[in-house]
């Protein structure tokens, strides 16, 4: 069977966006997981920023991974991927000019789409970790991303955190990003269908939801009618891999009968030591949670 080129995969992703259906992403984090996802019939994969941070640094998702490290991981996946892969490019690793560099590098890595979010990253001195940049700055980043791409099939998706905004503020932001030329709008923190309907009413571009399995948003047919084409339920596959590694190594050491048999979430928490990072952020930057 002939292999699809990066351009072919980007075109396939655009066909998903143009369809009338809703697709759930496979969490891919290395070449093997990308091949497995494609073989199992997933239409689209995603390389999460949080997953890349775990895979590369064993660190929590505090914008610690660098662009070059993220691109290296995306490149490994892009060499073998036979399904479109979305790259969670966080804030674009800096200002609008940094966003341009991010787009150039990730396009060469072979991703089909990338999300650029308007969270104020990395965390700033004396600010909340969930603060957003001004909408005007977010618009500039989207415009810069579009300017930087060479392959027009590459999709630029603007992402915002609906969980820290009023519905009216979400509508203003998402409309602004749509007007700036974003190929889609990604939202995290949408509460329920009522809120989604209010937002979707003002948009014509395809939508992407990071829902983490929100039970209030579990109707694919209804999501599709509202323009949602991509749903990210989370990254269970990677956490399952962590758990499998832990269990295998415990068995190898003859410790399988110990009482501290941690689940995947507990293991991630234990080995990334987020409390240390939170303490440092508070101590050295006065960052508010």
Protein backbone atom coordinates (compact mmCIF):
# COMPACT_ATOMS: atom_id res chain seq x y z
CA UNK A 1 0.00 0.00 0.00
CA UNK A 2 1.56 3.37 -1.00
CA UNK A 3 2.50 5.72 1.80
CA UNK A 4 0.73 9.06 2.09
CA UNK A 5 2.88 12.19 1.89
CA UNK A 6 2.73 14.94 4.48
CA UNK A 7 0.70 17.01 2.03
CA UNK A 8 -1.70 14.10 1.49
CA UNK A 9 -2.22 13.77 5.24
CA UNK A 10 -2.85 17.50 5.57
CA UNK A 11 -5.41 17.32 2.80
CA UNK A 12 -7.03 14.32 4.54
CA UNK A 13 -7.30 16.36 7.74
CA UNK A 14 -8.95 19.20 5.85
CA UNK A 15 -11.44 16.68 4.51
CA UNK A 16 -12.27 15.73 8.11
CA UNK A 17 -12.82 19.40 8.95
CA UNK A 18 -15.08 19.79 5.92
CA UNK A 19 -17.12 16.69 6.69
CA UNK A 20 -20.34 16.52 8.66
CA UNK A 21 -18.96 14.10 11.23
CA UNK A 22 -17.20 14.24 14.59
CA UNK A 23 -13.91 12.37 15.06
CA UNK A 24 -12.06 11.40 18.24
CA UNK A 25 -8.29 11.68 18.34
CA UNK A 26 -5.81 8.97 19.15
CA UNK A 27 -3.12 10.17 21.54
CA UNK A 28 0.18 9.51 19.76
CA UNK A 29 3.52 10.12 21.43
CA UNK A 30 6.10 8.19 19.42
CA UNK A 31 6.41 6.38 16.07
CA UNK A 32 5.05 3.09 17.43
CA UNK A 33 1.88 4.65 18.83
CA UNK A 34 1.33 6.51 15.55
CA UNK A 35 1.55 3.28 13.59
CA UNK A 36 -0.77 1.49 16.00
CA UNK A 37 -3.36 4.30 15.80
CA UNK A 38 -3.36 4.24 12.00
CA UNK A 39 -3.58 0.44 11.88
CA UNK A 40 -6.58 0.50 14.23
CA UNK A 41 -8.39 2.87 11.93
CA UNK A 42 -8.16 6.17 13.77
CA UNK A 43 -8.78 9.06 11.42
CA UNK A 44 -6.60 11.55 13.31
CA UNK A 45 -3.96 11.63 16.04
CA UNK A 46 -2.70 14.30 18.39
CA UNK A 47 0.69 14.93 19.98
CA UNK A 48 -0.23 16.66 23.21
CA UNK A 49 2.07 19.23 24.76
CA UNK A 50 1.53 17.65 28.15
CA UNK A 51 2.38 14.21 26.78
CA UNK A 52 5.51 15.49 25.05
CA UNK A 53 6.60 17.06 28.33
CA UNK A 54 6.15 13.72 30.09
CA UNK A 55 7.80 11.72 27.31
CA UNK A 56 10.81 14.00 26.86
CA UNK A 57 11.33 15.54 30.31
CA UNK A 58 9.26 13.50 32.79
CA UNK A 59 8.00 16.94 33.80
CA UNK A 60 4.48 18.30 34.32
CA UNK A 61 2.80 20.49 31.72
CA UNK A 62 4.28 23.83 32.85
CA UNK A 63 5.67 25.01 29.48
CA UNK A 64 9.10 23.60 30.29
CA UNK A 65 9.70 21.75 27.02
CA UNK A 66 11.49 23.76 24.33
CA UNK A 67 10.47 24.13 20.70
CA UNK A 68 13.43 22.07 19.51
CA UNK A 69 12.58 19.22 21.89
CA UNK A 70 8.94 19.25 20.82
CA UNK A 71 9.85 19.37 17.13
CA UNK A 72 12.24 16.42 17.54
CA UNK A 73 9.40 14.31 18.92
CA UNK A 74 7.01 15.49 16.20
CA UNK A 75 9.63 14.66 13.55
CA UNK A 76 10.01 11.10 14.85
CA UNK A 77 6.25 10.65 14.56
CA UNK A 78 6.08 12.41 11.19
CA UNK A 79 8.59 9.98 9.66
CA UNK A 80 6.16 7.07 9.96
CA UNK A 81 2.68 8.50 10.54
CA UNK A 82 0.02 7.38 8.08
CA UNK A 83 -2.76 9.34 9.72
CA UNK A 84 -3.01 13.13 10.11
CA UNK A 85 -1.41 14.30 13.36
CA UNK A 86 -2.32 17.51 15.18
CA UNK A 87 0.52 19.11 17.14
CA UNK A 88 -0.44 20.87 20.36
CA UNK A 89 2.00 23.76 19.92
CA UNK A 90 1.03 25.46 23.19
CA UNK A 91 1.52 29.25 22.90
CA UNK A 92 3.81 28.94 19.88
CA UNK A 93 6.84 29.10 22.18
CA UNK A 94 6.84 32.88 22.49
CA UNK A 95 5.52 35.92 20.68
CA UNK A 96 4.18 36.15 17.12
CA UNK A 97 7.67 35.90 15.64
CA UNK A 98 8.34 32.77 17.68
CA UNK A 99 5.02 31.41 16.41
CA UNK A 100 6.29 31.83 12.85
CA UNK A 101 9.38 29.77 13.70
CA UNK A 102 7.18 27.16 15.38
CA UNK A 103 5.01 26.80 12.27
CA UNK A 104 8.06 26.48 10.00
CA UNK A 105 9.62 23.75 12.14
CA UNK A 106 6.44 21.75 12.73
CA UNK A 107 5.49 21.91 9.06
CA UNK A 108 8.86 20.39 8.20
CA UNK A 109 8.27 17.76 10.89
CA UNK A 110 5.22 16.57 8.97
CA UNK A 111 2.25 17.47 11.16
CA UNK A 112 -1.12 17.99 9.47
CA UNK A 113 -2.32 20.72 11.82
CA UNK A 114 -1.24 22.63 14.88
CA UNK A 115 -3.00 24.52 17.63
CA UNK A 116 -1.81 27.88 18.95
CA UNK A 117 -3.34 28.88 22.27
CA UNK A 118 -3.79 32.27 23.89
CA UNK A 119 -2.74 31.23 27.39
CA UNK A 120 -0.07 33.47 28.93
CA UNK A 121 2.84 31.03 28.83
CA UNK A 122 5.17 30.40 30.46
CA UNK A 123 3.66 31.52 33.76
CA UNK A 124 4.44 35.17 34.46
CA UNK A 125 5.59 36.80 37.71
CA UNK A 126 2.65 37.71 39.93
CA UNK A 127 0.03 36.36 37.51
CA UNK A 128 -2.37 33.44 37.58
CA UNK A 129 -1.27 30.33 35.70
CA UNK A 130 -4.55 30.45 33.74
CA UNK A 131 -4.27 34.06 32.55
CA UNK A 132 -4.75 34.73 28.84
CA UNK A 133 -2.95 37.16 26.55
CA UNK A 134 -4.93 40.11 25.10
CA UNK A 135 -7.15 39.07 22.21
CA UNK A 136 -5.25 41.45 19.92
CA UNK A 137 -2.02 39.58 20.65
CA UNK A 138 -3.76 36.27 20.01
CA UNK A 139 -4.98 37.57 16.65
CA UNK A 140 -1.43 38.61 15.78
CA UNK A 141 -0.18 35.11 16.53
CA UNK A 142 -2.76 33.51 14.25
CA UNK A 143 -2.01 35.93 11.43
CA UNK A 144 1.73 35.29 11.86
CA UNK A 145 1.18 31.52 11.81
CA UNK A 146 -0.73 31.75 8.54
CA UNK A 147 1.99 33.92 7.04
CA UNK A 148 4.70 31.42 8.02
CA UNK A 149 3.24 28.25 6.53
CA UNK A 150 4.46 27.13 3.13
CA UNK A 151 2.00 24.30 2.47
CA UNK A 152 -1.44 25.91 2.42
CA UNK A 153 -2.93 22.52 3.34
CA UNK A 154 -1.43 22.82 6.84
CA UNK A 155 -4.26 23.75 9.22
CA UNK A 156 -3.76 26.51 11.78
CA UNK A 157 -6.17 26.11 14.69
CA UNK A 158 -6.65 28.85 17.31
CA UNK A 159 -7.16 27.56 20.83
CA UNK A 160 -8.62 29.31 23.86
CA UNK A 161 -9.55 28.32 27.41
CA UNK A 162 -13.31 28.65 27.71
CA UNK A 163 -13.11 27.60 31.34
CA UNK A 164 -11.65 30.94 32.47
CA UNK A 165 -13.87 33.24 30.38
CA UNK A 166 -17.49 34.28 30.30
CA UNK A 167 -19.47 33.02 27.33
CA UNK A 168 -19.56 36.56 25.94
CA UNK A 169 -15.76 36.79 26.16
CA UNK A 170 -15.38 33.41 24.45
CA UNK A 171 -17.57 34.58 21.58
CA UNK A 172 -15.49 37.73 21.11
CA UNK A 173 -12.21 35.81 21.14
CA UNK A 174 -13.28 32.99 18.87
CA UNK A 175 -14.88 35.37 16.37
CA UNK A 176 -11.68 37.41 16.33
CA UNK A 177 -9.56 34.34 15.61
CA UNK A 178 -11.95 33.23 12.90
CA UNK A 179 -11.73 36.66 11.29
CA UNK A 180 -7.91 36.47 11.50
CA UNK A 181 -8.04 33.42 9.22
CA UNK A 182 -7.84 30.45 11.59
CA UNK A 183 -8.82 27.19 9.88
CA UNK A 184 -10.56 26.05 13.05
CA UNK A 185 -11.23 26.98 16.65
CA UNK A 186 -10.19 24.73 19.54
CA UNK A 187 -11.70 25.18 22.99
CA UNK A 188 -10.93 23.63 26.34
CA UNK A 189 -13.23 24.00 29.32
CA UNK A 190 -16.60 24.19 27.56
CA UNK A 191 -19.12 23.25 30.24
CA UNK A 192 -22.09 21.80 28.36
CA UNK A 193 -24.14 21.85 25.18
CA UNK A 194 -25.98 25.03 26.13
CA UNK A 195 -22.73 26.97 26.30
CA UNK A 196 -21.38 25.29 23.16
CA UNK A 197 -24.53 26.20 21.21
CA UNK A 198 -24.20 29.87 22.23
CA UNK A 199 -20.59 29.94 21.01
CA UNK A 200 -21.10 27.90 17.84
CA UNK A 201 -23.94 30.16 16.73
CA UNK A 202 -21.40 32.91 16.04
CA UNK A 203 -18.85 30.77 14.16
CA UNK A 204 -18.60 29.22 10.72
CA UNK A 205 -15.19 27.50 10.93
CA UNK A 206 -14.89 23.90 12.19
CA UNK A 207 -14.58 23.38 15.93
CA UNK A 208 -12.28 21.22 18.02
CA UNK A 209 -13.04 20.39 21.65
CA UNK A 210 -10.65 19.27 24.36
CA UNK A 211 -13.33 17.66 26.52
CA UNK A 212 -11.40 15.11 28.62
CA UNK A 213 -14.51 12.93 28.51
CA UNK A 214 -16.86 15.60 29.87
CA UNK A 215 -20.14 13.67 30.40
CA UNK A 216 -22.10 16.78 29.44
CA UNK A 217 -20.65 16.66 25.91
CA UNK A 218 -21.02 13.00 24.97
CA UNK A 219 -23.32 13.11 21.97
CA UNK A 220 -21.30 12.90 18.75
CA UNK A 221 -24.29 13.52 16.50
CA UNK A 222 -25.19 16.68 18.39
CA UNK A 223 -21.56 17.81 18.45
CA UNK A 224 -21.35 17.31 14.70
CA UNK A 225 -24.49 19.39 14.12
CA UNK A 226 -22.85 22.23 16.05
CA UNK A 227 -19.76 22.11 13.84
CA UNK A 228 -17.48 20.09 16.11
CA UNK A 229 -15.23 17.94 13.93
CA UNK A 230 -12.44 16.94 16.34
CA UNK A 231 -12.75 15.82 19.97
CA UNK A 232 -9.76 15.23 22.26
CA UNK A 233 -10.83 12.97 25.13
CA UNK A 234 -7.45 12.95 26.79
CA UNK A 235 -4.26 10.89 26.60
CA UNK A 236 -5.20 7.58 28.18
CA UNK A 237 -2.88 5.59 25.92
CA UNK A 238 0.22 7.31 27.24
CA UNK A 239 -0.82 6.91 30.87
CA UNK A 240 -1.54 3.25 30.20
CA UNK A 241 2.02 2.94 28.85
CA UNK A 242 3.37 4.46 32.08
CA UNK A 243 1.34 1.98 34.11
CA UNK A 244 2.47 -0.96 31.99
CA UNK A 245 6.13 0.04 32.39
CA UNK A 246 5.72 0.37 36.15
CA UNK A 247 4.00 -3.00 36.50
CA UNK A 248 6.55 -4.76 34.28
CA UNK A 249 9.52 -3.37 36.20
CA UNK A 250 7.92 -4.16 39.57
CA UNK A 251 7.41 -7.73 38.41
CA UNK A 252 11.00 -7.91 37.21
CA UNK A 253 12.18 -6.80 40.67
CA UNK A 254 9.85 -9.24 42.42
CA UNK A 255 7.86 -6.43 44.01
CA UNK A 256 4.47 -7.19 42.45
CA UNK A 257 2.94 -8.01 45.83
CA UNK A 258 3.80 -4.69 47.45
CA UNK A 259 0.80 -2.75 48.72
CA UNK A 260 1.70 0.51 46.94
CA UNK A 261 0.34 -0.56 43.54
CA UNK A 262 -0.20 2.92 42.07
CA UNK A 263 -2.62 3.66 39.26
CA UNK A 264 -1.62 5.60 36.12
CA UNK A 265 -2.62 9.01 37.50
CA UNK A 266 -0.78 8.41 40.77
CA UNK A 267 2.31 7.25 38.90
CA UNK A 268 2.38 10.35 36.72
CA UNK A 269 1.99 12.53 39.80
CA UNK A 270 4.71 10.66 41.69
CA UNK A 271 7.35 10.74 38.98
CA UNK A 272 6.79 14.27 37.62
CA UNK A 273 6.79 15.82 41.12
CA UNK A 274 4.41 18.72 40.29
CA UNK A 275 4.38 19.98 43.89
CA UNK A 276 8.04 20.95 43.51
CA UNK A 277 7.33 23.00 40.38
CA UNK A 278 4.31 24.65 41.99
CA UNK A 279 6.40 25.54 45.06
CA UNK A 280 9.17 27.00 42.89
CA UNK A 281 6.67 29.02 40.86
CA UNK A 282 5.20 30.48 44.02
CA UNK A 283 8.57 31.11 45.66
CA UNK A 284 10.46 32.60 42.73
CA UNK A 285 7.69 34.09 40.58
CA UNK A 286 4.77 34.68 42.96
CA UNK A 287 2.56 32.78 40.52
CA UNK A 288 -1.01 32.30 41.68
CA UNK A 289 -2.80 29.02 41.03
